[in-house]
Amino acid sequence: MSAADVHIPANVARGEAMIAGYRLRPSFAALVAAEGELGPLFALVERAADGRLTLAESAALFWHCIDPRPDNLVRADFADAVGAAGLAAMSGALRTLLGQILRGG
């Protein structure tokens, strides 16, 4: 499955977002994996609120939340696609995911 094959829209009511053609779903398993790499999610939210969240941290959070993740997707290629999408797209997706982390669901 390639990015072009992924046409599942994000359900914002469920805390999902889209970035670079990929749906991001902050499932419990995805957030546990992200926390394993990035540290406590509450600290991540605090860094974001303080404007100290790095692009690498954002891309890592997005990576863990891709659903469905194409088998042939390489993390570096995904990070390039996220970067190409621009900061505005990243900010919107990040805001949605962080909101879901805080609200739960």
PDB file of N, CA and C in Angstrom:
ATOM      1  N   MET A   1       0.854  -1.168   0.000  1.00  0.00           N
ATOM      2  CA  MET A   1       0.000   0.000   0.000  1.00  0.00           C
ATOM      3  C   MET A   1       0.901   1.232   0.000  1.00  0.00           C
ATOM      4  N   SER A   2       0.668   2.137  -0.905  1.00  0.00           N
ATOM      5  CA  SER A   2       1.451   3.365  -0.965  1.00  0.00           C
ATOM      6  C   SER A   2       0.616   4.518  -0.432  1.00  0.00           C
ATOM      7  N   ALA A   3       1.271   5.672  -0.238  1.00  0.00           N
ATOM      8  CA  ALA A   3       0.547   6.849   0.260  1.00  0.00           C
ATOM      9  C   ALA A   3      -0.609   7.184  -0.667  1.00  0.00           C
ATOM     10  N   ALA A   4      -0.405   6.971  -1.963  1.00  0.00           N
ATOM     11  CA  ALA A   4      -1.466   7.269  -2.920  1.00  0.00           C
ATOM     12  C   ALA A   4      -2.662   6.350  -2.719  1.00  0.00           C
ATOM     13  N   ASP A   5      -2.442   5.164  -2.151  1.00  0.00           N
ATOM     14  CA  ASP A   5      -3.523   4.214  -1.921  1.00  0.00           C
ATOM     15  C   ASP A   5      -4.307   4.503  -0.643  1.00  0.00           C
ATOM     16  N   VAL A   6      -3.767   5.339   0.220  1.00  0.00           N
ATOM     17  CA  VAL A   6      -4.410   5.620   1.499  1.00  0.00           C
ATOM     18  C   VAL A   6      -5.370   6.788   1.306  1.00  0.00           C
ATOM     19  N   HIS A   7      -6.653   6.485   1.304  1.00  0.00           N
ATOM     20  CA  HIS A   7      -7.665   7.520   1.106  1.00  0.00           C
ATOM     21  C   HIS A   7      -8.673   7.507   2.245  1.00  0.00           C
ATOM     22  N   ILE A   8      -8.260   7.085   3.388  1.00  0.00           N
ATOM     23  CA  ILE A   8      -9.157   7.049   4.533  1.00  0.00           C
ATOM     24  C   ILE A   8      -9.122   8.421   5.187  1.00  0.00           C
ATOM     25  N   PRO A   9     -10.237   9.120   5.208  1.00  0.00           N
ATOM     26  CA  PRO A   9     -10.233  10.459   5.791  1.00  0.00           C
ATOM     27  C   PRO A   9     -10.103  10.421   7.314  1.00  0.00           C
ATOM     28  N   ALA A  10      -9.589  11.500   7.849  1.00  0.00           N
ATOM     29  CA  ALA A  10      -9.472  11.625   9.301  1.00  0.00           C
ATOM     30  C   ALA A  10     -10.838  11.934   9.897  1.00  0.00           C
ATOM     31  N   ASN A  11     -11.097  11.368  11.058  1.00  0.00           N
ATOM     32  CA  ASN A  11     -12.308  11.654  11.820  1.00  0.00           C
ATOM     33  C   ASN A  11     -11.889  12.564  12.968  1.00  0.00           C
ATOM     34  N   VAL A  12     -12.058  13.864  12.788  1.00  0.00           N
ATOM     35  CA  VAL A  12     -11.602  14.839  13.773  1.00  0.00           C
ATOM     36  C   VAL A  12     -12.282  14.616  15.125  1.00  0.00           C
ATOM     37  N   ALA A  13     -13.521  14.150  15.113  1.00  0.00           N
ATOM     38  CA  ALA A  13     -14.234  13.889  16.371  1.00  0.00           C
ATOM     39  C   ALA A  13     -13.536  12.806  17.186  1.00  0.00           C
ATOM     40  N   ARG A  14     -12.764  11.947  16.522  1.00  0.00           N
ATOM     41  CA  ARG A  14     -12.016  10.889  17.217  1.00  0.00           C
ATOM     42  C   ARG A  14     -10.585  11.311  17.497  1.00  0.00           C
ATOM     43  N   GLY A  15     -10.251  12.569  17.201  1.00  0.00           N
ATOM     44  CA  GLY A  15      -8.901  13.048  17.448  1.00  0.00           C
ATOM     45  C   GLY A  15      -7.923  12.709  16.347  1.00  0.00           C
ATOM     46  N   GLU A  16      -8.441  12.320  15.183  1.00  0.00           N
ATOM     47  CA  GLU A  16      -7.582  11.991  14.058  1.00  0.00           C
ATOM     48  C   GLU A  16      -7.236  13.240  13.267  1.00  0.00           C
ATOM     49  N   ALA A  17      -6.119  13.160  12.536  1.00  0.00           N
ATOM     50  CA  ALA A  17      -5.665  14.274  11.712  1.00  0.00           C
ATOM     51  C   ALA A  17      -5.065  13.707  10.435  1.00  0.00           C
ATOM     52  N   MET A  18      -4.820  14.584   9.480  1.00  0.00           N
ATOM     53  CA  MET A  18      -4.150  14.198   8.239  1.00  0.00           C
ATOM     54  C   MET A  18      -2.876  15.011   8.100  1.00  0.00           C
ATOM     55  N   ILE A  19      -1.838  14.360   7.583  1.00  0.00           N
ATOM     56  CA  ILE A  19      -0.597  15.057   7.236  1.00  0.00           C
ATOM     57  C   ILE A  19       0.013  14.330   6.043  1.00  0.00           C
ATOM     58  N   ALA A  20       0.366  15.069   5.024  1.00  0.00           N
ATOM     59  CA  ALA A  20       1.046  14.531   3.837  1.00  0.00           C
ATOM     60  C   ALA A  20       0.316  13.324   3.239  1.00  0.00           C
ATOM     61  N   GLY A  21      -1.015  13.331   3.315  1.00  0.00           N
ATOM     62  CA  GLY A  21      -1.797  12.238   2.751  1.00  0.00           C
ATOM     63  C   GLY A  21      -1.979  11.030   3.655  1.00  0.00           C
ATOM     64  N   TYR A  22      -1.480  11.099   4.866  1.00  0.00           N
ATOM     65  CA  TYR A  22      -1.589   9.988   5.812  1.00  0.00           C
ATOM     66  C   TYR A  22      -2.538  10.357   6.944  1.00  0.00           C
ATOM     67  N   ARG A  23      -3.375   9.386   7.323  1.00  0.00           N
ATOM     68  CA  ARG A  23      -4.257   9.601   8.472  1.00  0.00           C
ATOM     69  C   ARG A  23      -3.464   9.297   9.737  1.00  0.00           C
ATOM     70  N   LEU A  24      -3.593  10.164  10.713  1.00  0.00           N
ATOM     71  CA  LEU A  24      -2.962   9.985  12.016  1.00  0.00           C
ATOM     72  C   LEU A  24      -4.057   9.671  13.019  1.00  0.00           C
ATOM     73  N   ARG A  25      -3.940   8.522  13.661  1.00  0.00           N
ATOM     74  CA  ARG A  25      -4.925   8.103  14.665  1.00  0.00           C
ATOM     75  C   ARG A  25      -4.180   7.873  15.973  1.00  0.00           C
ATOM     76  N   PRO A  26      -4.435   8.701  16.982  1.00  0.00           N
ATOM     77  CA  PRO A  26      -3.724   8.562  18.259  1.00  0.00           C
ATOM     78  C   PRO A  26      -4.329   7.479  19.142  1.00  0.00           C
ATOM     79  N   SER A  27      -4.213   6.239  18.694  1.00  0.00           N
ATOM     80  CA  SER A  27      -4.717   5.117  19.480  1.00  0.00           C
ATOM     81  C   SER A  27      -3.851   4.942  20.728  1.00  0.00           C
ATOM     82  N   PHE A  28      -4.338   4.183  21.670  1.00  0.00           N
ATOM     83  CA  PHE A  28      -3.566   3.931  22.888  1.00  0.00           C
ATOM     84  C   PHE A  28      -2.222   3.299  22.545  1.00  0.00           C
ATOM     85  N   ALA A  29      -2.237   2.304  21.658  1.00  0.00           N
ATOM     86  CA  ALA A  29      -0.985   1.629  21.274  1.00  0.00           C
ATOM     87  C   ALA A  29      -0.015   2.597  20.604  1.00  0.00           C
ATOM     88  N   ALA A  30      -0.530   3.470  19.749  1.00  0.00           N
ATOM     89  CA  ALA A  30       0.331   4.451  19.077  1.00  0.00           C
ATOM     90  C   ALA A  30       0.945   5.413  20.084  1.00  0.00           C
ATOM     91  N   LEU A  31       0.149   5.847  21.050  1.00  0.00           N
ATOM     92  CA  LEU A  31       0.662   6.799  22.044  1.00  0.00           C
ATOM     93  C   LEU A  31       1.664   6.134  22.990  1.00  0.00           C
ATOM     94  N   VAL A  32       1.456   4.876  23.311  1.00  0.00           N
ATOM     95  CA  VAL A  32       2.425   4.148  24.132  1.00  0.00           C
ATOM     96  C   VAL A  32       3.753   4.043  23.385  1.00  0.00           C
ATOM     97  N   ALA A  33       3.696   3.742  22.093  1.00  0.00           N
ATOM     98  CA  ALA A  33       4.919   3.652  21.284  1.00  0.00           C
ATOM     99  C   ALA A  33       5.611   5.009  21.201  1.00  0.00           C
ATOM    100  N   ALA A  34       4.838   6.065  21.015  1.00  0.00           N
ATOM    101  CA  ALA A  34       5.415   7.415  20.958  1.00  0.00           C
ATOM    102  C   ALA A  34       6.055   7.779  22.289  1.00  0.00           C
ATOM    103  N   GLU A  35       5.392   7.447  23.373  1.00  0.00           N
ATOM    104  CA  GLU A  35       5.928   7.744  24.703  1.00  0.00           C
ATOM    105  C   GLU A  35       7.218   6.967  24.950  1.00  0.00           C
ATOM    106  N   GLY A  36       7.299   5.759  24.434  1.00  0.00           N
ATOM    107  CA  GLY A  36       8.517   4.966  24.566  1.00  0.00           C
ATOM    108  C   GLY A  36       9.706   5.633  23.898  1.00  0.00           C
ATOM    109  N   GLU A  37       9.452   6.335  22.818  1.00  0.00           N
ATOM    110  CA  GLU A  37      10.524   7.029  22.100  1.00  0.00           C
ATOM    111  C   GLU A  37      10.755   8.442  22.617  1.00  0.00           C
ATOM    112  N   LEU A  38       9.690   9.159  22.929  1.00  0.00           N
ATOM    113  CA  LEU A  38       9.774  10.592  23.209  1.00  0.00           C
ATOM    114  C   LEU A  38       9.727  10.956  24.690  1.00  0.00           C
ATOM    115  N   GLY A  39       9.427   9.995  25.544  1.00  0.00           N
ATOM    116  CA  GLY A  39       9.276  10.296  26.960  1.00  0.00           C
ATOM    117  C   GLY A  39       7.821  10.583  27.280  1.00  0.00           C
ATOM    118  N   PRO A  40       7.546  10.964  28.518  1.00  0.00           N
ATOM    119  CA  PRO A  40       6.165  11.161  28.961  1.00  0.00           C
ATOM    120  C   PRO A  40       5.379  12.120  28.073  1.00  0.00           C
ATOM    121  N   LEU A  41       4.159  11.727  27.740  1.00  0.00           N
ATOM    122  CA  LEU A  41       3.341  12.549  26.859  1.00  0.00           C
ATOM    123  C   LEU A  41       2.967  13.882  27.493  1.00  0.00           C
ATOM    124  N   PHE A  42       2.795  13.908  28.808  1.00  0.00           N
ATOM    125  CA  PHE A  42       2.466  15.179  29.452  1.00  0.00           C
ATOM    126  C   PHE A  42       3.607  16.177  29.260  1.00  0.00           C
ATOM    127  N   ALA A  43       4.848  15.704  29.362  1.00  0.00           N
ATOM    128  CA  ALA A  43       6.007  16.573  29.136  1.00  0.00           C
ATOM    129  C   ALA A  43       6.051  17.027  27.674  1.00  0.00           C
ATOM    130  N   LEU A  44       5.661  16.157  26.759  1.00  0.00           N
ATOM    131  CA  LEU A  44       5.600  16.517  25.350  1.00  0.00           C
ATOM    132  C   LEU A  44       4.593  17.639  25.127  1.00  0.00           C
ATOM    133  N   VAL A  45       3.427  17.512  25.745  1.00  0.00           N
ATOM    134  CA  VAL A  45       2.398  18.549  25.643  1.00  0.00           C
ATOM    135  C   VAL A  45       2.913  19.861  26.242  1.00  0.00           C
ATOM    136  N   GLU A  46       3.600  19.786  27.364  1.00  0.00           N
ATOM    137  CA  GLU A  46       4.148  20.998  27.989  1.00  0.00           C
ATOM    138  C   GLU A  46       5.186  21.658  27.084  1.00  0.00           C
ATOM    139  N   ARG A  47       6.064  20.857  26.466  1.00  0.00           N
ATOM    140  CA  ARG A  47       7.052  21.423  25.540  1.00  0.00           C
ATOM    141  C   ARG A  47       6.355  22.104  24.373  1.00  0.00           C
ATOM    142  N   ALA A  48       5.306  21.482  23.873  1.00  0.00           N
ATOM    143  CA  ALA A  48       4.556  22.079  22.763  1.00  0.00           C
ATOM    144  C   ALA A  48       3.922  23.398  23.195  1.00  0.00           C
ATOM    145  N   ALA A  49       3.342  23.432  24.391  1.00  0.00           N
ATOM    146  CA  ALA A  49       2.710  24.652  24.886  1.00  0.00           C
ATOM    147  C   ALA A  49       3.721  25.771  25.076  1.00  0.00           C
ATOM    148  N   ASP A  50       4.951  25.400  25.416  1.00  0.00           N
ATOM    149  CA  ASP A  50       6.010  26.391  25.618  1.00  0.00           C
ATOM    150  C   ASP A  50       6.746  26.736  24.330  1.00  0.00           C
ATOM    151  N   GLY A  51       6.342  26.129  23.212  1.00  0.00           N
ATOM    152  CA  GLY A  51       7.001  26.381  21.938  1.00  0.00           C
ATOM    153  C   GLY A  51       8.364  25.718  21.833  1.00  0.00           C
ATOM    154  N   ARG A  52       8.589  24.650  22.599  1.00  0.00           N
ATOM    155  CA  ARG A  52       9.886  23.979  22.612  1.00  0.00           C
ATOM    156  C   ARG A  52       9.847  22.595  21.976  1.00  0.00           C
ATOM    157  N   LEU A  53       8.749  22.239  21.325  1.00  0.00           N
ATOM    158  CA  LEU A  53       8.656  20.944  20.675  1.00  0.00           C
ATOM    159  C   LEU A  53       9.430  21.016  19.364  1.00  0.00           C
ATOM    160  N   THR A  54      10.309  20.063  19.139  1.00  0.00           N
ATOM    161  CA  THR A  54      11.129  20.081  17.934  1.00  0.00           C
ATOM    162  C   THR A  54      10.386  19.449  16.758  1.00  0.00           C
ATOM    163  N   LEU A  55      10.865  19.747  15.557  1.00  0.00           N
ATOM    164  CA  LEU A  55      10.295  19.117  14.368  1.00  0.00           C
ATOM    165  C   LEU A  55      10.463  17.604  14.429  1.00  0.00           C
ATOM    166  N   ALA A  56      11.616  17.162  14.923  1.00  0.00           N
ATOM    167  CA  ALA A  56      11.868  15.723  15.038  1.00  0.00           C
ATOM    168  C   ALA A  56      10.865  15.062  15.981  1.00  0.00           C
ATOM    169  N   GLU A  57      10.536  15.723  17.085  1.00  0.00           N
ATOM    170  CA  GLU A  57       9.562  15.166  18.022  1.00  0.00           C
ATOM    171  C   GLU A  57       8.175  15.107  17.386  1.00  0.00           C
ATOM    172  N   SER A  58       7.808  16.152  16.668  1.00  0.00           N
ATOM    173  CA  SER A  58       6.510  16.162  15.988  1.00  0.00           C
ATOM    174  C   SER A  58       6.437  15.035  14.967  1.00  0.00           C
ATOM    175  N   ALA A  59       7.482  14.902  14.153  1.00  0.00           N
ATOM    176  CA  ALA A  59       7.502  13.856  13.132  1.00  0.00           C
ATOM    177  C   ALA A  59       7.457  12.465  13.773  1.00  0.00           C
ATOM    178  N   ALA A  60       8.126  12.292  14.911  1.00  0.00           N
ATOM    179  CA  ALA A  60       8.106  11.002  15.611  1.00  0.00           C
ATOM    180  C   ALA A  60       6.701  10.690  16.123  1.00  0.00           C
ATOM    181  N   LEU A  61       6.033  11.667  16.702  1.00  0.00           N
ATOM    182  CA  LEU A  61       4.660  11.466  17.163  1.00  0.00           C
ATOM    183  C   LEU A  61       3.770  11.086  15.986  1.00  0.00           C
ATOM    184  N   PHE A  62       3.900  11.816  14.891  1.00  0.00           N
ATOM    185  CA  PHE A  62       3.115  11.511  13.699  1.00  0.00           C
ATOM    186  C   PHE A  62       3.395  10.090  13.210  1.00  0.00           C
ATOM    187  N   TRP A  63       4.670   9.714  13.189  1.00  0.00           N
ATOM    188  CA  TRP A  63       5.069   8.390  12.695  1.00  0.00           C
ATOM    189  C   TRP A  63       4.341   7.283  13.462  1.00  0.00           C
ATOM    190  N   HIS A  64       4.308   7.407  14.763  1.00  0.00           N
ATOM    191  CA  HIS A  64       3.688   6.367  15.579  1.00  0.00           C
ATOM    192  C   HIS A  64       2.170   6.335  15.410  1.00  0.00           C
ATOM    193  N   CYS A  65       1.589   7.438  14.952  1.00  0.00           N
ATOM    194  CA  CYS A  65       0.128   7.531  14.826  1.00  0.00           C
ATOM    195  C   CYS A  65      -0.394   7.234  13.427  1.00  0.00           C
ATOM    196  N   ILE A  66       0.483   6.970  12.447  1.00  0.00           N
ATOM    197  CA  ILE A  66       0.007   6.666  11.090  1.00  0.00           C
ATOM    198  C   ILE A  66      -0.871   5.424  11.133  1.00  0.00           C
ATOM    199  N   ASP A  67      -2.073   5.532  10.573  1.00  0.00           N
ATOM    200  CA  ASP A  67      -2.991   4.406  10.548  1.00  0.00           C
ATOM    201  C   ASP A  67      -3.910   4.521   9.335  1.00  0.00           C
ATOM    202  N   PRO A  68      -3.837   3.609   8.413  1.00  0.00           N
ATOM    203  CA  PRO A  68      -2.934   2.465   8.387  1.00  0.00           C
ATOM    204  C   PRO A  68      -1.556   2.886   7.874  1.00  0.00           C
ATOM    205  N   ARG A  69      -0.530   2.208   8.345  1.00  0.00           N
ATOM    206  CA  ARG A  69       0.826   2.502   7.871  1.00  0.00           C
ATOM    207  C   ARG A  69       1.172   1.548   6.735  1.00  0.00           C
ATOM    208  N   PRO A  70       1.439   2.099   5.554  1.00  0.00           N
ATOM    209  CA  PRO A  70       1.829   1.237   4.433  1.00  0.00           C
ATOM    210  C   PRO A  70       3.086   0.434   4.775  1.00  0.00           C
ATOM    211  N   ASP A  71       3.113  -0.818   4.372  1.00  0.00           N
ATOM    212  CA  ASP A  71       4.243  -1.702   4.675  1.00  0.00           C
ATOM    213  C   ASP A  71       5.563  -1.182   4.128  1.00  0.00           C
ATOM    214  N   ASN A  72       5.512  -0.490   3.002  1.00  0.00           N
ATOM    215  CA  ASN A  72       6.736  -0.034   2.353  1.00  0.00           C
ATOM    216  C   ASN A  72       7.147   1.388   2.745  1.00  0.00           C
ATOM    217  N   LEU A  73       6.462   1.977   3.707  1.00  0.00           N
ATOM    218  CA  LEU A  73       6.779   3.344   4.105  1.00  0.00           C
ATOM    219  C   LEU A  73       8.032   3.370   4.971  1.00  0.00           C
ATOM    220  N   VAL A  74       8.990   4.184   4.565  1.00  0.00           N
ATOM    221  CA  VAL A  74      10.242   4.360   5.291  1.00  0.00           C
ATOM    222  C   VAL A  74      10.126   5.639   6.112  1.00  0.00           C
ATOM    223  N   ARG A  75      10.574   5.571   7.361  1.00  0.00           N
ATOM    224  CA  ARG A  75      10.408   6.709   8.264  1.00  0.00           C
ATOM    225  C   ARG A  75      11.054   7.980   7.720  1.00  0.00           C
ATOM    226  N   ALA A  76      12.224   7.876   7.146  1.00  0.00           N
ATOM    227  CA  ALA A  76      12.898   9.063   6.604  1.00  0.00           C
ATOM    228  C   ALA A  76      12.088   9.678   5.460  1.00  0.00           C
ATOM    229  N   ASP A  77      11.481   8.843   4.633  1.00  0.00           N
ATOM    230  CA  ASP A  77      10.645   9.356   3.541  1.00  0.00           C
ATOM    231  C   ASP A  77       9.395  10.038   4.098  1.00  0.00           C
ATOM    232  N   PHE A  78       8.827   9.452   5.137  1.00  0.00           N
ATOM    233  CA  PHE A  78       7.665  10.070   5.777  1.00  0.00           C
ATOM    234  C   PHE A  78       8.046  11.428   6.364  1.00  0.00           C
ATOM    235  N   ALA A  79       9.180  11.494   7.040  1.00  0.00           N
ATOM    236  CA  ALA A  79       9.628  12.767   7.624  1.00  0.00           C
ATOM    237  C   ALA A  79       9.824  13.815   6.534  1.00  0.00           C
ATOM    238  N   ASP A  80      10.371  13.410   5.393  1.00  0.00           N
ATOM    239  CA  ASP A  80      10.525  14.342   4.266  1.00  0.00           C
ATOM    240  C   ASP A  80       9.164  14.839   3.774  1.00  0.00           C
ATOM    241  N   ALA A  81       8.189  13.938   3.696  1.00  0.00           N
ATOM    242  CA  ALA A  81       6.847  14.317   3.248  1.00  0.00           C
ATOM    243  C   ALA A  81       6.192  15.283   4.238  1.00  0.00           C
ATOM    244  N   VAL A  82       6.401  15.031   5.532  1.00  0.00           N
ATOM    245  CA  VAL A  82       5.861  15.928   6.563  1.00  0.00           C
ATOM    246  C   VAL A  82       6.513  17.308   6.427  1.00  0.00           C
ATOM    247  N   GLY A  83       7.826  17.333   6.252  1.00  0.00           N
ATOM    248  CA  GLY A  83       8.522  18.603   6.076  1.00  0.00           C
ATOM    249  C   GLY A  83       8.034  19.349   4.848  1.00  0.00           C
ATOM    250  N   ALA A  84       7.805  18.621   3.775  1.00  0.00           N
ATOM    251  CA  ALA A  84       7.315  19.239   2.543  1.00  0.00           C
ATOM    252  C   ALA A  84       5.894  19.784   2.709  1.00  0.00           C
ATOM    253  N   ALA A  85       5.120  19.181   3.602  1.00  0.00           N
ATOM    254  CA  ALA A  85       3.751  19.649   3.848  1.00  0.00           C
ATOM    255  C   ALA A  85       3.754  21.036   4.486  1.00  0.00           C
ATOM    256  N   GLY A  86       4.819  21.357   5.206  1.00  0.00           N
ATOM    257  CA  GLY A  86       4.965  22.690   5.783  1.00  0.00           C
ATOM    258  C   GLY A  86       4.511  22.791   7.226  1.00  0.00           C
ATOM    259  N   LEU A  87       4.954  23.860   7.844  1.00  0.00           N
ATOM    260  CA  LEU A  87       4.657  24.085   9.262  1.00  0.00           C
ATOM    261  C   LEU A  87       3.170  24.274   9.540  1.00  0.00           C
ATOM    262  N   ALA A  88       2.445  24.890   8.623  1.00  0.00           N
ATOM    263  CA  ALA A  88       1.010  25.091   8.856  1.00  0.00           C
ATOM    264  C   ALA A  88       0.290  23.757   8.957  1.00  0.00           C
ATOM    265  N   ALA A  89       0.606  22.833   8.049  1.00  0.00           N
ATOM    266  CA  ALA A  89      -0.018  21.506   8.099  1.00  0.00           C
ATOM    267  C   ALA A  89       0.412  20.765   9.350  1.00  0.00           C
ATOM    268  N   MET A  90       1.682  20.884   9.697  1.00  0.00           N
ATOM    269  CA  MET A  90       2.177  20.219  10.908  1.00  0.00           C
ATOM    270  C   MET A  90       1.478  20.771  12.142  1.00  0.00           C
ATOM    271  N   SER A  91       1.320  22.072  12.196  1.00  0.00           N
ATOM    272  CA  SER A  91       0.701  22.697  13.370  1.00  0.00           C
ATOM    273  C   SER A  91      -0.728  22.228  13.565  1.00  0.00           C
ATOM    274  N   GLY A  92      -1.485  22.157  12.477  1.00  0.00           N
ATOM    275  CA  GLY A  92      -2.869  21.708  12.574  1.00  0.00           C
ATOM    276  C   GLY A  92      -2.964  20.266  13.049  1.00  0.00           C
ATOM    277  N   ALA A  93      -2.146  19.400  12.465  1.00  0.00           N
ATOM    278  CA  ALA A  93      -2.159  17.990  12.858  1.00  0.00           C
ATOM    279  C   ALA A  93      -1.696  17.830  14.300  1.00  0.00           C
ATOM    280  N   LEU A  94      -0.662  18.558  14.664  1.00  0.00           N
ATOM    281  CA  LEU A  94      -0.138  18.480  16.029  1.00  0.00           C
ATOM    282  C   LEU A  94      -1.176  18.959  17.040  1.00  0.00           C
ATOM    283  N   ARG A  95      -1.848  20.046  16.735  1.00  0.00           N
ATOM    284  CA  ARG A  95      -2.883  20.580  17.633  1.00  0.00           C
ATOM    285  C   ARG A  95      -3.977  19.533  17.861  1.00  0.00           C
ATOM    286  N   THR A  96      -4.384  18.871  16.788  1.00  0.00           N
ATOM    287  CA  THR A  96      -5.424  17.840  16.908  1.00  0.00           C
ATOM    288  C   THR A  96      -4.952  16.680  17.773  1.00  0.00           C
ATOM    289  N   LEU A  97      -3.738  16.180  17.520  1.00  0.00           N
ATOM    290  CA  LEU A  97      -3.237  15.038  18.295  1.00  0.00           C
ATOM    291  C   LEU A  97      -3.019  15.400  19.754  1.00  0.00           C
ATOM    292  N   LEU A  98      -2.438  16.560  20.016  1.00  0.00           N
ATOM    293  CA  LEU A  98      -2.198  16.964  21.401  1.00  0.00           C
ATOM    294  C   LEU A  98      -3.510  17.166  22.151  1.00  0.00           C
ATOM    295  N   GLY A  99      -4.497  17.707  21.454  1.00  0.00           N
ATOM    296  CA  GLY A  99      -5.812  17.856  22.079  1.00  0.00           C
ATOM    297  C   GLY A  99      -6.399  16.506  22.477  1.00  0.00           C
ATOM    298  N   GLN A 100      -6.224  15.509  21.604  1.00  0.00           N
ATOM    299  CA  GLN A 100      -6.736  14.184  21.907  1.00  0.00           C
ATOM    300  C   GLN A 100      -5.970  13.554  23.052  1.00  0.00           C
ATOM    301  N   ILE A 101      -4.650  13.795  23.115  1.00  0.00           N
ATOM    302  CA  ILE A 101      -3.859  13.267  24.230  1.00  0.00           C
ATOM    303  C   ILE A 101      -4.390  13.823  25.546  1.00  0.00           C
ATOM    304  N   LEU A 102      -4.697  15.104  25.571  1.00  0.00           N
ATOM    305  CA  LEU A 102      -5.182  15.733  26.809  1.00  0.00           C
ATOM    306  C   LEU A 102      -6.598  15.292  27.169  1.00  0.00           C
ATOM    307  N   ARG A 103      -7.461  15.151  26.157  1.00  0.00           N
ATOM    308  CA  ARG A 103      -8.857  14.776  26.412  1.00  0.00           C
ATOM    309  C   ARG A 103      -9.038  13.291  26.647  1.00  0.00           C
ATOM    310  N   GLY A 104      -8.215  12.493  25.966  1.00  0.00           N
ATOM    311  CA  GLY A 104      -8.425  11.044  26.017  1.00  0.00           C
ATOM    312  C   GLY A 104      -9.591  10.667  25.147  1.00  0.00           C
ATOM    313  N   GLY A 105      -9.878   9.400  25.114  1.00  0.00           N
ATOM    314  CA  GLY A 105     -11.027   9.025  24.297  1.00  0.00           C
ATOM    315  C   GLY A 105     -10.995   7.618  23.845  1.00  0.00           C
TER     316      GLY A 105
END
